[in-house]
Amino acid sequence: SIFSPPQAEQLDHKATILRHIVEQPSSWFPQVAGSDQDSSHKSLRQALSGLSDEGIVLVDDERANFRNIGDTRTEVLRYCKVARYDELYRNCGPL
């Protein structure tokens, strides 16, 4: 079957989506609903039950993606802002 992620209107920002993943991991990882007999499903379920905001890192080149300044005011606690190049860089070509 094909995975269909949650499509709620409140999931309009990367920070809000990450918060939703922490709060409802089974919506984002449907394989968690697998049988307890399957050890991979059981270990995944255990790992996701301990998921927290502090355990997620967002890597992005846009600072605005780390904080939702809308109604929810959700923030990503751990992030890495990377540089973006729209030029030819040394002998590497366009980056």
N, C-alpha and C. Protein backbone atom coordinates (compact mmCIF):
# COMPACT_ATOMS: atom_id res chain seq x y z
N SER A 1 0.83 -1.18 0.00
CA SER A 1 0.00 0.00 0.00
C SER A 1 0.88 1.25 0.00
N ILE A 2 0.31 2.36 -0.39
CA ILE A 2 1.02 3.62 -0.49
C ILE A 2 0.76 4.43 0.78
N PHE A 3 1.81 5.00 1.34
CA PHE A 3 1.70 5.82 2.54
C PHE A 3 1.10 7.17 2.20
N SER A 4 0.11 7.58 2.97
CA SER A 4 -0.49 8.91 2.83
C SER A 4 -0.29 9.65 4.14
N PRO A 5 0.58 10.66 4.18
CA PRO A 5 0.83 11.38 5.43
C PRO A 5 -0.40 12.17 5.86
N PRO A 6 -0.48 12.50 7.15
CA PRO A 6 -1.60 13.32 7.63
C PRO A 6 -1.67 14.63 6.84
N GLN A 7 -2.87 15.04 6.49
CA GLN A 7 -3.07 16.23 5.66
C GLN A 7 -3.83 17.34 6.37
N ALA A 8 -3.76 17.38 7.68
CA ALA A 8 -4.49 18.41 8.42
C ALA A 8 -3.98 19.81 8.07
N GLU A 9 -4.88 20.78 8.11
CA GLU A 9 -4.51 22.16 7.77
C GLU A 9 -3.48 22.73 8.73
N GLN A 10 -3.50 22.30 9.98
CA GLN A 10 -2.56 22.85 10.95
C GLN A 10 -1.12 22.40 10.70
N LEU A 11 -0.92 21.46 9.78
CA LEU A 11 0.43 20.98 9.47
C LEU A 11 0.98 21.75 8.28
N ASP A 12 1.13 23.05 8.45
CA ASP A 12 1.54 23.92 7.36
C ASP A 12 2.98 24.40 7.47
N HIS A 13 3.72 23.90 8.44
CA HIS A 13 5.08 24.38 8.67
C HIS A 13 5.95 23.22 9.15
N LYS A 14 7.23 23.23 8.81
CA LYS A 14 8.11 22.11 9.18
C LYS A 14 8.17 21.91 10.68
N ALA A 15 8.22 22.98 11.45
CA ALA A 15 8.28 22.85 12.91
C ALA A 15 7.00 22.21 13.45
N THR A 16 5.87 22.56 12.89
CA THR A 16 4.58 22.00 13.31
C THR A 16 4.49 20.53 12.93
N ILE A 17 5.00 20.17 11.77
CA ILE A 17 5.00 18.77 11.33
C ILE A 17 5.86 17.93 12.27
N LEU A 18 7.04 18.42 12.64
CA LEU A 18 7.90 17.68 13.56
C LEU A 18 7.24 17.49 14.92
N ARG A 19 6.54 18.51 15.40
CA ARG A 19 5.80 18.40 16.66
C ARG A 19 4.73 17.32 16.55
N HIS A 20 4.03 17.26 15.42
CA HIS A 20 2.98 16.26 15.20
C HIS A 20 3.58 14.86 15.15
N ILE A 21 4.76 14.72 14.56
CA ILE A 21 5.42 13.41 14.51
C ILE A 21 5.74 12.93 15.92
N VAL A 22 6.21 13.83 16.78
CA VAL A 22 6.52 13.47 18.17
C VAL A 22 5.25 13.06 18.91
N GLU A 23 4.17 13.80 18.69
CA GLU A 23 2.92 13.54 19.42
C GLU A 23 2.17 12.32 18.89
N GLN A 24 2.25 12.06 17.58
CA GLN A 24 1.50 10.97 16.97
C GLN A 24 2.37 10.19 15.99
N PRO A 25 3.38 9.48 16.49
CA PRO A 25 4.30 8.79 15.58
C PRO A 25 3.62 7.71 14.73
N SER A 26 2.57 7.09 15.23
CA SER A 26 1.91 6.03 14.45
C SER A 26 1.23 6.58 13.19
N SER A 27 0.92 7.89 13.17
CA SER A 27 0.35 8.51 11.96
C SER A 27 1.39 8.63 10.86
N TRP A 28 2.66 8.73 11.25
CA TRP A 28 3.74 8.94 10.30
C TRP A 28 4.52 7.67 10.01
N PHE A 29 4.43 6.70 10.91
CA PHE A 29 5.12 5.43 10.74
C PHE A 29 4.10 4.30 10.85
N PRO A 30 3.34 4.04 9.78
CA PRO A 30 2.27 3.04 9.85
C PRO A 30 2.77 1.63 10.17
N GLN A 31 4.02 1.35 9.93
CA GLN A 31 4.55 0.03 10.23
C GLN A 31 4.58 -0.24 11.74
N VAL A 32 4.42 0.79 12.56
CA VAL A 32 4.37 0.63 14.01
C VAL A 32 3.17 -0.23 14.42
N ALA A 33 2.14 -0.20 13.62
CA ALA A 33 0.93 -0.97 13.94
C ALA A 33 1.11 -2.45 13.64
N GLY A 34 2.29 -2.87 13.25
CA GLY A 34 2.55 -4.27 12.92
C GLY A 34 2.43 -5.19 14.12
N SER A 35 2.51 -6.43 13.88
CA SER A 35 2.36 -7.45 14.90
C SER A 35 3.49 -7.40 15.92
N ASP A 36 3.17 -7.72 17.18
CA ASP A 36 4.20 -7.82 18.22
C ASP A 36 5.12 -9.00 17.99
N GLN A 37 4.70 -9.94 17.14
CA GLN A 37 5.53 -11.10 16.85
C GLN A 37 6.74 -10.72 16.01
N ASP A 38 6.62 -9.64 15.25
CA ASP A 38 7.71 -9.17 14.40
C ASP A 38 8.64 -8.29 15.25
N SER A 39 9.86 -8.74 15.48
CA SER A 39 10.76 -8.02 16.37
C SER A 39 11.13 -6.64 15.84
N SER A 40 11.16 -6.45 14.50
CA SER A 40 11.51 -5.14 13.96
C SER A 40 10.40 -4.13 14.26
N HIS A 41 9.14 -4.56 14.19
CA HIS A 41 8.03 -3.66 14.52
C HIS A 41 8.04 -3.32 16.00
N LYS A 42 8.34 -4.30 16.82
CA LYS A 42 8.36 -4.08 18.26
C LYS A 42 9.48 -3.12 18.64
N SER A 43 10.67 -3.28 18.07
CA SER A 43 11.78 -2.39 18.40
C SER A 43 11.53 -0.98 17.87
N LEU A 44 10.90 -0.86 16.71
CA LEU A 44 10.55 0.46 16.17
C LEU A 44 9.53 1.14 17.07
N ARG A 45 8.53 0.40 17.51
CA ARG A 45 7.51 0.94 18.39
C ARG A 45 8.15 1.44 19.69
N GLN A 46 9.09 0.69 20.23
CA GLN A 46 9.77 1.10 21.46
C GLN A 46 10.61 2.36 21.23
N ALA A 47 11.30 2.42 20.11
CA ALA A 47 12.13 3.58 19.81
C ALA A 47 11.28 4.84 19.64
N LEU A 48 10.16 4.71 18.94
CA LEU A 48 9.31 5.87 18.70
C LEU A 48 8.55 6.31 19.94
N SER A 49 8.34 5.39 20.89
CA SER A 49 7.63 5.78 22.11
C SER A 49 8.47 6.75 22.94
N GLY A 50 9.78 6.74 22.74
CA GLY A 50 10.66 7.65 23.46
C GLY A 50 11.04 8.88 22.67
N LEU A 51 10.40 9.10 21.52
CA LEU A 51 10.72 10.24 20.67
C LEU A 51 10.36 11.54 21.38
N SER A 52 11.26 12.52 21.30
CA SER A 52 11.01 13.82 21.93
C SER A 52 11.50 14.92 21.01
N ASP A 53 11.09 16.14 21.31
CA ASP A 53 11.55 17.29 20.52
C ASP A 53 13.06 17.40 20.52
N GLU A 54 13.67 17.08 21.66
CA GLU A 54 15.12 17.18 21.78
C GLU A 54 15.85 16.13 20.94
N GLY A 55 15.15 15.09 20.54
CA GLY A 55 15.76 14.01 19.78
C GLY A 55 15.68 14.18 18.27
N ILE A 56 15.18 15.32 17.82
CA ILE A 56 15.01 15.58 16.39
C ILE A 56 15.86 16.78 16.00
N VAL A 57 16.57 16.65 14.88
CA VAL A 57 17.37 17.76 14.35
C VAL A 57 16.86 18.08 12.95
N LEU A 58 16.55 19.34 12.72
CA LEU A 58 16.12 19.80 11.39
C LEU A 58 17.31 20.48 10.73
N VAL A 59 17.65 20.01 9.54
CA VAL A 59 18.74 20.61 8.75
C VAL A 59 18.08 21.34 7.58
N ASP A 60 18.35 22.62 7.47
CA ASP A 60 17.68 23.42 6.44
C ASP A 60 18.55 24.63 6.11
N ASP A 61 18.28 25.24 4.96
CA ASP A 61 19.02 26.43 4.57
C ASP A 61 18.20 27.71 4.77
N GLU A 62 17.00 27.58 5.30
CA GLU A 62 16.14 28.74 5.55
C GLU A 62 15.87 28.86 7.04
N ARG A 63 16.33 29.94 7.65
CA ARG A 63 16.16 30.14 9.09
C ARG A 63 14.67 30.14 9.50
N ALA A 64 13.81 30.62 8.64
CA ALA A 64 12.38 30.69 8.96
C ALA A 64 11.75 29.32 9.18
N ASN A 65 12.37 28.26 8.69
CA ASN A 65 11.81 26.92 8.86
C ASN A 65 12.03 26.34 10.25
N PHE A 66 12.81 27.00 11.09
CA PHE A 66 13.08 26.49 12.42
C PHE A 66 12.05 26.95 13.44
N ARG A 67 11.22 27.90 13.09
CA ARG A 67 10.23 28.43 14.02
C ARG A 67 8.97 28.82 13.27
N ASN A 68 7.82 28.36 13.77
CA ASN A 68 6.54 28.74 13.21
C ASN A 68 6.03 29.93 14.00
N ILE A 69 5.98 31.10 13.37
CA ILE A 69 5.54 32.30 14.08
C ILE A 69 4.03 32.51 13.96
N GLY A 70 3.35 31.50 13.43
CA GLY A 70 1.89 31.56 13.30
C GLY A 70 1.20 31.32 14.63
N ASP A 71 0.02 30.74 14.56
CA ASP A 71 -0.80 30.52 15.75
C ASP A 71 -0.15 29.60 16.77
N THR A 72 0.56 28.57 16.32
CA THR A 72 1.09 27.57 17.25
C THR A 72 2.39 27.99 17.92
N ARG A 73 3.15 28.86 17.28
CA ARG A 73 4.45 29.30 17.79
C ARG A 73 5.37 28.12 18.13
N THR A 74 5.32 27.11 17.31
CA THR A 74 6.13 25.91 17.50
C THR A 74 7.57 26.18 17.08
N GLU A 75 8.52 25.66 17.87
CA GLU A 75 9.94 25.83 17.55
C GLU A 75 10.61 24.48 17.44
N VAL A 76 11.62 24.40 16.59
CA VAL A 76 12.49 23.24 16.53
C VAL A 76 13.62 23.52 17.50
N LEU A 77 13.81 22.64 18.49
CA LEU A 77 14.80 22.89 19.52
C LEU A 77 16.23 22.67 19.05
N ARG A 78 16.41 21.72 18.14
CA ARG A 78 17.75 21.41 17.63
C ARG A 78 17.74 21.57 16.13
N TYR A 79 18.64 22.38 15.63
CA TYR A 79 18.67 22.59 14.18
C TYR A 79 20.09 22.91 13.72
N CYS A 80 20.27 22.79 12.43
CA CYS A 80 21.54 23.13 11.79
C CYS A 80 21.21 23.91 10.53
N LYS A 81 21.60 25.17 10.50
CA LYS A 81 21.40 25.98 9.30
C LYS A 81 22.62 25.81 8.41
N VAL A 82 22.39 25.37 7.20
CA VAL A 82 23.48 25.17 6.26
C VAL A 82 23.47 26.27 5.21
N ALA A 83 24.62 26.54 4.68
CA ALA A 83 24.74 27.57 3.65
C ALA A 83 24.21 27.04 2.33
N ARG A 84 23.69 27.93 1.53
CA ARG A 84 23.21 27.57 0.20
C ARG A 84 23.99 28.42 -0.80
N TYR A 85 24.48 27.75 -1.82
CA TYR A 85 25.22 28.43 -2.87
C TYR A 85 24.45 28.32 -4.17
N ASP A 86 24.27 29.44 -4.81
CA ASP A 86 23.62 29.44 -6.11
C ASP A 86 24.62 29.86 -7.19
N GLU A 87 25.85 29.49 -6.98
CA GLU A 87 26.92 29.86 -7.88
C GLU A 87 27.77 28.64 -8.18
N LEU A 88 28.64 28.78 -9.15
CA LEU A 88 29.64 27.75 -9.40
C LEU A 88 30.65 27.83 -8.25
N TYR A 89 30.97 26.71 -7.67
CA TYR A 89 31.87 26.70 -6.53
C TYR A 89 33.11 25.89 -6.86
N ARG A 90 34.23 26.56 -6.93
CA ARG A 90 35.51 25.94 -7.29
C ARG A 90 35.36 25.04 -8.51
N ASN A 91 35.77 23.82 -8.43
CA ASN A 91 35.64 22.89 -9.56
C ASN A 91 34.47 21.93 -9.38
N CYS A 92 33.56 22.27 -8.49
CA CYS A 92 32.45 21.37 -8.17
C CYS A 92 31.20 21.62 -9.03
N GLY A 93 31.18 22.71 -9.76
CA GLY A 93 29.98 23.03 -10.52
C GLY A 93 28.98 23.77 -9.65
N PRO A 94 27.74 23.88 -10.09
CA PRO A 94 26.75 24.64 -9.30
C PRO A 94 26.37 23.87 -8.02
N LEU A 95 26.28 24.61 -6.93
CA LEU A 95 25.88 24.04 -5.63
C LEU A 95 24.61 24.69 -5.15
